[in-house]
């Protein structure tokens, strides 16, 4: 699933922050990162653990100490991973979500995104609907707005 995670992350951050200068491109990267990394490993693994998202957040904070502009931009990645866990329902699998705190090994399980059957199609359709709304709401059909969004990740200021 791609549309569901990108759309829900963008909508959530925009609804809470209302920040047009937030880098929504990096948020999309963070929202897809858990399934990409864990998918390459063959199933649910460390990216679906809250500990990994917390570690990523702490890492960004430490690496960008004293460099506020880059910190502001890079925080979008851990925000995306946290939102992925929320919209994937990762907290339903205690063994994975709390690994290694739960002190259990991660059992080999398919990614929740691919384990939902027909529900995944409904979530993707909902994601597509949100993205259509996003496209219209921020006038991304206007070439200048779309180009600026793709180049900077920022939303147009005059919409």
N, C-alpha and C. Protein backbone atom coordinates (compact mmCIF):
# COMPACT_ATOMS: atom_id res chain seq x y z
N UNK A 1 0.84 -1.18 0.00
CA UNK A 1 0.00 0.00 0.00
C UNK A 1 0.88 1.23 0.00
N UNK A 2 0.54 2.12 -0.86
CA UNK A 2 1.32 3.34 -0.99
C UNK A 2 0.45 4.56 -0.73
N UNK A 3 -0.65 4.64 -1.43
CA UNK A 3 -1.50 5.83 -1.36
C UNK A 3 -2.04 6.07 0.05
N UNK A 4 -2.44 5.00 0.72
CA UNK A 4 -3.00 5.11 2.06
C UNK A 4 -2.02 5.78 3.03
N UNK A 5 -0.77 5.32 3.05
CA UNK A 5 0.20 5.86 4.01
C UNK A 5 0.62 7.28 3.68
N UNK A 6 0.85 7.57 2.42
CA UNK A 6 1.24 8.93 2.03
C UNK A 6 0.09 9.89 2.31
N UNK A 7 -1.11 9.54 1.88
CA UNK A 7 -2.26 10.43 2.04
C UNK A 7 -2.58 10.69 3.51
N UNK A 8 -2.61 9.65 4.33
CA UNK A 8 -2.95 9.86 5.74
C UNK A 8 -1.86 10.63 6.48
N UNK A 9 -0.61 10.41 6.12
CA UNK A 9 0.47 11.18 6.75
C UNK A 9 0.37 12.65 6.37
N UNK A 10 0.21 12.92 5.09
CA UNK A 10 0.10 14.32 4.65
C UNK A 10 -1.09 15.01 5.30
N UNK A 11 -2.24 14.35 5.29
CA UNK A 11 -3.44 14.95 5.86
C UNK A 11 -3.29 15.18 7.36
N UNK A 12 -2.72 14.22 8.07
CA UNK A 12 -2.55 14.35 9.52
C UNK A 12 -1.63 15.50 9.88
N UNK A 13 -0.50 15.58 9.22
CA UNK A 13 0.45 16.65 9.53
C UNK A 13 -0.13 18.01 9.15
N UNK A 14 -0.76 18.08 8.00
CA UNK A 14 -1.35 19.36 7.59
C UNK A 14 -2.46 19.77 8.55
N UNK A 15 -3.30 18.81 8.97
CA UNK A 15 -4.42 19.13 9.87
C UNK A 15 -3.94 19.62 11.23
N UNK A 16 -2.83 19.08 11.70
CA UNK A 16 -2.32 19.46 13.02
C UNK A 16 -1.45 20.72 12.95
N UNK A 17 -0.52 20.75 12.01
CA UNK A 17 0.45 21.85 11.97
C UNK A 17 0.03 23.04 11.11
N UNK A 18 -0.73 22.77 10.06
CA UNK A 18 -1.10 23.82 9.09
C UNK A 18 0.14 24.58 8.62
N UNK A 19 1.20 23.84 8.41
CA UNK A 19 2.49 24.41 8.03
C UNK A 19 2.73 24.17 6.55
N UNK A 20 2.72 25.22 5.76
CA UNK A 20 2.93 25.10 4.32
C UNK A 20 4.41 24.89 3.98
N UNK A 21 5.31 25.16 4.93
CA UNK A 21 6.74 25.00 4.65
C UNK A 21 7.30 23.68 5.15
N UNK A 22 6.44 22.81 5.65
CA UNK A 22 6.85 21.47 6.05
C UNK A 22 7.23 20.71 4.79
N UNK A 23 8.22 19.82 4.86
CA UNK A 23 8.63 19.07 3.68
C UNK A 23 7.78 17.79 3.57
N UNK A 24 6.72 17.88 2.81
CA UNK A 24 5.79 16.77 2.65
C UNK A 24 6.39 15.63 1.83
N UNK A 25 7.44 15.90 1.07
CA UNK A 25 8.13 14.84 0.33
C UNK A 25 8.82 13.89 1.30
N UNK A 26 9.55 14.45 2.27
CA UNK A 26 10.24 13.62 3.26
C UNK A 26 9.26 12.91 4.18
N UNK A 27 8.13 13.54 4.43
CA UNK A 27 7.08 12.88 5.21
C UNK A 27 6.60 11.63 4.48
N UNK A 28 6.45 11.72 3.16
CA UNK A 28 6.03 10.57 2.36
C UNK A 28 7.09 9.47 2.42
N UNK A 29 8.36 9.86 2.38
CA UNK A 29 9.45 8.87 2.49
C UNK A 29 9.35 8.14 3.83
N UNK A 30 9.18 8.90 4.90
CA UNK A 30 9.06 8.29 6.22
C UNK A 30 7.83 7.40 6.35
N UNK A 31 6.74 7.81 5.71
CA UNK A 31 5.50 7.02 5.79
C UNK A 31 5.62 5.70 5.04
N UNK A 32 6.47 5.62 4.04
CA UNK A 32 6.65 4.38 3.28
C UNK A 32 7.82 3.54 3.79
N UNK A 33 8.73 4.16 4.53
CA UNK A 33 9.96 3.50 4.97
C UNK A 33 9.75 2.17 5.71
N UNK A 34 8.83 2.07 6.66
CA UNK A 34 8.67 0.79 7.36
C UNK A 34 8.33 -0.38 6.43
N UNK A 35 7.43 -0.17 5.50
CA UNK A 35 7.08 -1.27 4.59
C UNK A 35 8.19 -1.57 3.60
N UNK A 36 8.93 -0.55 3.17
CA UNK A 36 10.04 -0.77 2.23
C UNK A 36 11.14 -1.58 2.91
N UNK A 37 11.58 -1.13 4.08
CA UNK A 37 12.68 -1.81 4.78
C UNK A 37 12.26 -3.21 5.22
N UNK A 38 11.11 -3.30 5.88
CA UNK A 38 10.66 -4.61 6.34
C UNK A 38 10.27 -5.51 5.18
N UNK A 39 9.76 -4.94 4.12
CA UNK A 39 9.42 -5.73 2.93
C UNK A 39 10.65 -6.38 2.32
N UNK A 40 11.76 -5.66 2.33
CA UNK A 40 13.01 -6.22 1.81
C UNK A 40 13.52 -7.38 2.67
N UNK A 41 13.14 -7.36 3.95
CA UNK A 41 13.56 -8.45 4.84
C UNK A 41 12.63 -9.65 4.75
N UNK A 42 11.51 -9.50 4.06
CA UNK A 42 10.60 -10.62 3.87
C UNK A 42 9.37 -10.60 4.75
N UNK A 43 9.23 -9.63 5.61
CA UNK A 43 8.05 -9.55 6.47
C UNK A 43 8.24 -8.52 7.56
N UNK A 44 7.32 -8.52 8.52
CA UNK A 44 7.39 -7.54 9.61
C UNK A 44 8.70 -7.73 10.37
N UNK A 45 9.38 -6.61 10.59
CA UNK A 45 10.66 -6.66 11.29
C UNK A 45 10.81 -5.41 12.13
N UNK A 46 11.98 -4.88 12.30
CA UNK A 46 12.24 -3.81 13.26
C UNK A 46 11.59 -2.47 12.93
N UNK A 47 11.27 -2.20 11.67
CA UNK A 47 10.68 -0.91 11.33
C UNK A 47 9.24 -0.78 11.81
N UNK A 48 8.63 -1.87 12.20
CA UNK A 48 7.28 -1.81 12.75
C UNK A 48 7.31 -1.78 14.28
N UNK A 49 8.48 -1.52 14.85
CA UNK A 49 8.63 -1.37 16.29
C UNK A 49 8.68 0.11 16.64
N UNK A 50 7.99 0.49 17.68
CA UNK A 50 7.99 1.89 18.13
C UNK A 50 9.40 2.30 18.55
N UNK A 51 10.19 1.36 19.01
CA UNK A 51 11.56 1.65 19.44
C UNK A 51 12.39 2.17 18.27
N UNK A 52 12.19 1.63 17.09
CA UNK A 52 12.93 2.08 15.91
C UNK A 52 12.55 3.50 15.55
N UNK A 53 11.26 3.82 15.58
CA UNK A 53 10.83 5.19 15.26
C UNK A 53 11.35 6.18 16.29
N UNK A 54 11.35 5.78 17.55
CA UNK A 54 11.90 6.65 18.60
C UNK A 54 13.40 6.83 18.37
N UNK A 55 14.10 5.75 18.05
CA UNK A 55 15.53 5.85 17.77
C UNK A 55 15.82 6.75 16.58
N UNK A 56 15.00 6.67 15.55
CA UNK A 56 15.15 7.54 14.38
C UNK A 56 14.94 9.00 14.76
N UNK A 57 13.94 9.26 15.59
CA UNK A 57 13.68 10.63 16.05
C UNK A 57 14.85 11.16 16.87
N UNK A 58 15.34 10.36 17.79
CA UNK A 58 16.48 10.77 18.62
C UNK A 58 17.71 10.98 17.75
N UNK A 59 17.93 10.10 16.78
CA UNK A 59 19.06 10.24 15.87
C UNK A 59 19.01 11.55 15.09
N UNK A 60 17.84 11.90 14.57
CA UNK A 60 17.70 13.17 13.84
C UNK A 60 17.98 14.33 14.78
N UNK A 61 17.47 14.26 15.99
CA UNK A 61 17.69 15.36 16.95
C UNK A 61 19.18 15.52 17.29
N UNK A 62 19.88 14.41 17.46
CA UNK A 62 21.31 14.47 17.81
C UNK A 62 22.17 14.92 16.63
N UNK A 63 21.90 14.38 15.46
CA UNK A 63 22.71 14.70 14.28
C UNK A 63 22.54 16.16 13.85
N UNK A 64 21.36 16.71 14.11
CA UNK A 64 21.08 18.08 13.65
C UNK A 64 21.19 19.11 14.77
N UNK A 65 21.83 18.75 15.87
CA UNK A 65 21.97 19.67 17.00
C UNK A 65 22.63 20.97 16.53
N UNK A 66 21.96 22.09 16.79
CA UNK A 66 22.50 23.40 16.42
C UNK A 66 22.26 23.78 14.95
N UNK A 67 21.58 22.93 14.21
CA UNK A 67 21.28 23.23 12.80
C UNK A 67 19.78 23.14 12.59
N UNK A 68 19.10 24.16 13.04
CA UNK A 68 17.65 24.15 13.06
C UNK A 68 16.99 23.96 11.68
N UNK A 69 17.44 24.62 10.63
CA UNK A 69 16.75 24.42 9.34
C UNK A 69 16.78 22.97 8.84
N UNK A 70 17.92 22.31 8.95
CA UNK A 70 18.00 20.91 8.50
C UNK A 70 17.22 20.00 9.44
N UNK A 71 17.22 20.33 10.74
CA UNK A 71 16.44 19.55 11.71
C UNK A 71 14.95 19.63 11.37
N UNK A 72 14.50 20.82 11.09
CA UNK A 72 13.09 21.03 10.76
C UNK A 72 12.69 20.20 9.55
N UNK A 73 13.57 20.12 8.58
CA UNK A 73 13.28 19.35 7.37
C UNK A 73 13.33 17.85 7.65
N UNK A 74 14.37 17.38 8.33
CA UNK A 74 14.56 15.94 8.53
C UNK A 74 13.58 15.32 9.53
N UNK A 75 12.99 16.14 10.40
CA UNK A 75 12.00 15.60 11.34
C UNK A 75 10.80 14.99 10.63
N UNK A 76 10.62 15.35 9.37
CA UNK A 76 9.51 14.79 8.60
C UNK A 76 9.64 13.27 8.46
N UNK A 77 10.86 12.76 8.43
CA UNK A 77 11.05 11.31 8.25
C UNK A 77 10.56 10.52 9.47
N UNK A 78 11.03 10.82 10.69
CA UNK A 78 10.47 10.08 11.83
C UNK A 78 8.97 10.34 12.04
N UNK A 79 8.50 11.55 11.73
CA UNK A 79 7.06 11.80 11.80
C UNK A 79 6.33 10.80 10.90
N UNK A 80 6.87 10.60 9.71
CA UNK A 80 6.26 9.67 8.77
C UNK A 80 6.27 8.24 9.27
N UNK A 81 7.38 7.82 9.90
CA UNK A 81 7.43 6.44 10.40
C UNK A 81 6.44 6.24 11.55
N UNK A 82 6.32 7.23 12.43
CA UNK A 82 5.33 7.13 13.51
C UNK A 82 3.91 7.04 12.94
N UNK A 83 3.62 7.88 11.96
CA UNK A 83 2.27 7.85 11.37
C UNK A 83 2.01 6.55 10.63
N UNK A 84 3.05 5.97 10.04
CA UNK A 84 2.88 4.67 9.40
C UNK A 84 2.43 3.64 10.43
N UNK A 85 3.06 3.65 11.59
CA UNK A 85 2.69 2.68 12.63
C UNK A 85 1.24 2.87 13.06
N UNK A 86 0.80 4.12 13.15
CA UNK A 86 -0.58 4.40 13.53
C UNK A 86 -1.54 3.88 12.47
N UNK A 87 -1.31 4.26 11.21
CA UNK A 87 -2.26 3.93 10.15
C UNK A 87 -2.10 2.51 9.62
N UNK A 88 -1.10 1.80 10.12
CA UNK A 88 -0.93 0.39 9.78
C UNK A 88 -1.51 -0.49 10.89
N UNK A 89 -1.83 0.14 12.01
CA UNK A 89 -2.33 -0.64 13.15
C UNK A 89 -1.25 -1.51 13.75
N UNK A 90 -0.01 -1.06 13.67
CA UNK A 90 1.12 -1.86 14.16
C UNK A 90 1.02 -2.16 15.64
N UNK A 91 0.35 -1.32 16.39
CA UNK A 91 0.21 -1.51 17.84
C UNK A 91 -0.63 -2.75 18.17
N UNK A 92 -1.31 -3.31 17.18
CA UNK A 92 -2.10 -4.53 17.41
C UNK A 92 -1.24 -5.78 17.58
N UNK A 93 0.02 -5.70 17.15
CA UNK A 93 0.94 -6.83 17.28
C UNK A 93 1.97 -6.46 18.36
N UNK A 94 1.66 -6.77 19.59
CA UNK A 94 2.50 -6.38 20.73
C UNK A 94 3.92 -6.88 20.59
N UNK A 95 4.09 -8.08 20.12
CA UNK A 95 5.42 -8.69 20.00
C UNK A 95 6.32 -7.84 19.10
N UNK A 96 5.79 -7.34 18.00
CA UNK A 96 6.59 -6.54 17.08
C UNK A 96 6.65 -5.09 17.54
N UNK A 97 5.51 -4.52 17.91
CA UNK A 97 5.45 -3.10 18.25
C UNK A 97 6.39 -2.74 19.40
N UNK A 98 6.47 -3.59 20.41
CA UNK A 98 7.30 -3.30 21.57
C UNK A 98 8.66 -3.99 21.53
N UNK A 99 9.02 -4.60 20.41
CA UNK A 99 10.33 -5.23 20.31
C UNK A 99 11.41 -4.16 20.39
N UNK A 100 12.50 -4.32 21.09
CA UNK A 100 12.95 -5.43 21.92
C UNK A 100 12.53 -5.31 23.39
N UNK A 101 11.72 -4.32 23.72
CA UNK A 101 11.29 -4.13 25.10
C UNK A 101 10.52 -5.34 25.61
N UNK A 102 9.69 -5.94 24.75
CA UNK A 102 8.90 -7.10 25.14
C UNK A 102 9.76 -8.34 25.32
N UNK A 103 11.05 -8.25 24.93
CA UNK A 103 12.02 -9.34 25.08
C UNK A 103 11.55 -10.63 24.43
N UNK A 104 10.93 -10.49 23.32
CA UNK A 104 10.53 -11.66 22.54
C UNK A 104 11.08 -11.49 21.15
N UNK A 105 11.32 -12.60 20.51
CA UNK A 105 11.78 -12.51 19.14
C UNK A 105 10.60 -12.13 18.25
N UNK A 106 10.91 -11.51 17.15
CA UNK A 106 9.86 -11.13 16.20
C UNK A 106 9.52 -12.35 15.36
N UNK A 107 8.30 -12.79 15.47
CA UNK A 107 7.86 -13.95 14.68
C UNK A 107 7.71 -13.52 13.23
N UNK A 108 8.06 -14.39 12.33
CA UNK A 108 7.93 -14.10 10.90
C UNK A 108 6.46 -13.95 10.55
N UNK A 109 6.07 -12.74 10.15
CA UNK A 109 4.70 -12.47 9.76
C UNK A 109 4.73 -11.60 8.52
N UNK A 110 3.74 -11.73 7.68
CA UNK A 110 3.68 -10.86 6.50
C UNK A 110 3.39 -9.42 6.92
N UNK A 111 3.75 -8.49 6.06
CA UNK A 111 3.47 -7.09 6.34
C UNK A 111 1.96 -6.89 6.46
N UNK A 112 1.52 -6.12 7.46
CA UNK A 112 0.08 -5.88 7.60
C UNK A 112 -0.54 -5.31 6.32
N UNK A 113 0.21 -4.52 5.58
CA UNK A 113 -0.29 -3.92 4.35
C UNK A 113 -0.73 -4.96 3.34
N UNK A 114 -0.08 -6.14 3.36
CA UNK A 114 -0.40 -7.18 2.40
C UNK A 114 -1.17 -8.33 3.02
N UNK A 115 -1.51 -8.20 4.28
CA UNK A 115 -2.18 -9.28 5.00
C UNK A 115 -3.65 -8.97 5.27
N UNK A 116 -4.15 -7.88 4.70
CA UNK A 116 -5.52 -7.46 4.98
C UNK A 116 -6.54 -7.90 3.94
N UNK A 117 -6.08 -8.43 2.85
CA UNK A 117 -7.00 -8.86 1.79
C UNK A 117 -7.70 -7.68 1.15
N UNK A 118 -9.02 -7.78 1.00
CA UNK A 118 -9.81 -6.76 0.31
C UNK A 118 -9.80 -5.42 1.04
N UNK A 119 -9.57 -5.45 2.35
CA UNK A 119 -9.53 -4.20 3.11
C UNK A 119 -8.42 -3.29 2.59
N UNK A 120 -7.32 -3.88 2.14
CA UNK A 120 -6.22 -3.09 1.59
C UNK A 120 -6.68 -2.28 0.38
N UNK A 121 -7.53 -2.87 -0.43
CA UNK A 121 -8.05 -2.15 -1.60
C UNK A 121 -8.92 -0.97 -1.18
N UNK A 122 -9.71 -1.17 -0.14
CA UNK A 122 -10.55 -0.07 0.37
C UNK A 122 -9.68 1.06 0.94
N UNK A 123 -8.63 0.69 1.67
CA UNK A 123 -7.74 1.71 2.23
C UNK A 123 -7.01 2.46 1.12
N UNK A 124 -6.58 1.76 0.08
CA UNK A 124 -5.93 2.42 -1.05
C UNK A 124 -6.89 3.37 -1.76
N UNK A 125 -8.15 2.96 -1.88
CA UNK A 125 -9.16 3.82 -2.50
C UNK A 125 -9.39 5.07 -1.64
N UNK A 126 -9.42 4.89 -0.33
CA UNK A 126 -9.55 6.04 0.57
C UNK A 126 -8.34 6.96 0.43
N UNK A 127 -7.16 6.37 0.35
CA UNK A 127 -5.94 7.16 0.15
C UNK A 127 -5.99 7.93 -1.16
N UNK A 128 -6.47 7.30 -2.21
CA UNK A 128 -6.60 7.98 -3.51
C UNK A 128 -7.57 9.15 -3.38
N UNK A 129 -8.66 8.95 -2.66
CA UNK A 129 -9.62 10.03 -2.46
C UNK A 129 -9.01 11.21 -1.71
N UNK A 130 -8.24 10.91 -0.68
CA UNK A 130 -7.57 11.97 0.08
C UNK A 130 -6.59 12.72 -0.82
N UNK A 131 -5.85 11.98 -1.64
CA UNK A 131 -4.87 12.63 -2.52
C UNK A 131 -5.56 13.47 -3.59
N UNK A 132 -6.72 13.07 -4.08
CA UNK A 132 -7.47 13.90 -5.03
C UNK A 132 -7.90 15.19 -4.35
N UNK A 133 -8.39 15.08 -3.12
CA UNK A 133 -8.76 16.27 -2.36
C UNK A 133 -7.54 17.18 -2.19
N UNK A 134 -6.39 16.57 -1.83
CA UNK A 134 -5.14 17.31 -1.64
C UNK A 134 -4.77 18.07 -2.91
N UNK A 135 -4.85 17.40 -4.04
CA UNK A 135 -4.52 17.98 -5.35
C UNK A 135 -5.39 19.21 -5.61
N UNK A 136 -6.68 19.08 -5.34
CA UNK A 136 -7.60 20.19 -5.58
C UNK A 136 -7.44 21.30 -4.54
N UNK A 137 -7.32 20.94 -3.28
CA UNK A 137 -7.24 21.90 -2.17
C UNK A 137 -6.04 22.82 -2.31
N UNK A 138 -4.93 22.28 -2.79
CA UNK A 138 -3.70 23.07 -2.89
C UNK A 138 -3.37 23.45 -4.33
N UNK A 139 -4.35 23.34 -5.20
CA UNK A 139 -4.23 23.78 -6.61
C UNK A 139 -2.97 23.23 -7.26
N UNK A 140 -2.74 21.95 -7.10
CA UNK A 140 -1.54 21.35 -7.69
C UNK A 140 -1.70 21.10 -9.19
N UNK A 141 -2.87 21.39 -9.73
CA UNK A 141 -3.04 21.32 -11.18
C UNK A 141 -2.40 22.53 -11.86
N UNK A 142 -2.13 23.57 -11.09
CA UNK A 142 -1.42 24.75 -11.60
C UNK A 142 0.06 24.38 -11.69
N UNK A 143 0.64 24.47 -12.89
CA UNK A 143 2.04 24.02 -13.07
C UNK A 143 3.03 24.64 -12.09
N UNK A 144 2.90 25.92 -11.79
CA UNK A 144 3.84 26.57 -10.86
C UNK A 144 3.72 25.99 -9.46
N UNK A 145 2.49 25.74 -9.01
CA UNK A 145 2.28 25.16 -7.67
C UNK A 145 2.83 23.74 -7.60
N UNK A 146 2.53 22.97 -8.63
CA UNK A 146 2.99 21.58 -8.68
C UNK A 146 4.51 21.51 -8.73
N UNK A 147 5.12 22.36 -9.54
CA UNK A 147 6.58 22.38 -9.66
C UNK A 147 7.24 22.75 -8.34
N UNK A 148 6.70 23.76 -7.67
CA UNK A 148 7.24 24.18 -6.37
C UNK A 148 7.08 23.07 -5.34
N UNK A 149 5.93 22.40 -5.35
CA UNK A 149 5.70 21.31 -4.40
C UNK A 149 6.68 20.17 -4.63
N UNK A 150 6.88 19.79 -5.87
CA UNK A 150 7.81 18.70 -6.19
C UNK A 150 9.26 19.08 -5.90
N UNK A 151 9.60 20.34 -6.09
CA UNK A 151 10.97 20.80 -5.89
C UNK A 151 11.31 21.01 -4.41
N UNK A 152 10.36 21.54 -3.63
CA UNK A 152 10.65 21.90 -2.23
C UNK A 152 9.91 21.07 -1.20
N UNK A 153 8.79 20.47 -1.60
CA UNK A 153 7.95 19.75 -0.65
C UNK A 153 7.00 20.67 0.08
N UNK A 154 7.05 21.97 -0.23
CA UNK A 154 6.19 22.96 0.44
C UNK A 154 4.90 23.16 -0.32
N UNK A 155 3.86 23.52 0.41
CA UNK A 155 2.57 23.81 -0.21
C UNK A 155 2.54 25.25 -0.69
N UNK A 156 1.76 25.55 -1.73
CA UNK A 156 1.70 26.92 -2.23
C UNK A 156 1.16 27.88 -1.16
N UNK A 157 1.78 29.06 -1.04
CA UNK A 157 1.39 29.99 0.02
C UNK A 157 0.09 30.73 -0.25
N UNK A 158 -0.31 30.84 -1.48
CA UNK A 158 -1.46 31.69 -1.80
C UNK A 158 -2.75 30.94 -1.96
N UNK A 159 -2.80 29.68 -1.59
CA UNK A 159 -4.01 28.89 -1.76
C UNK A 159 -4.75 28.79 -0.43
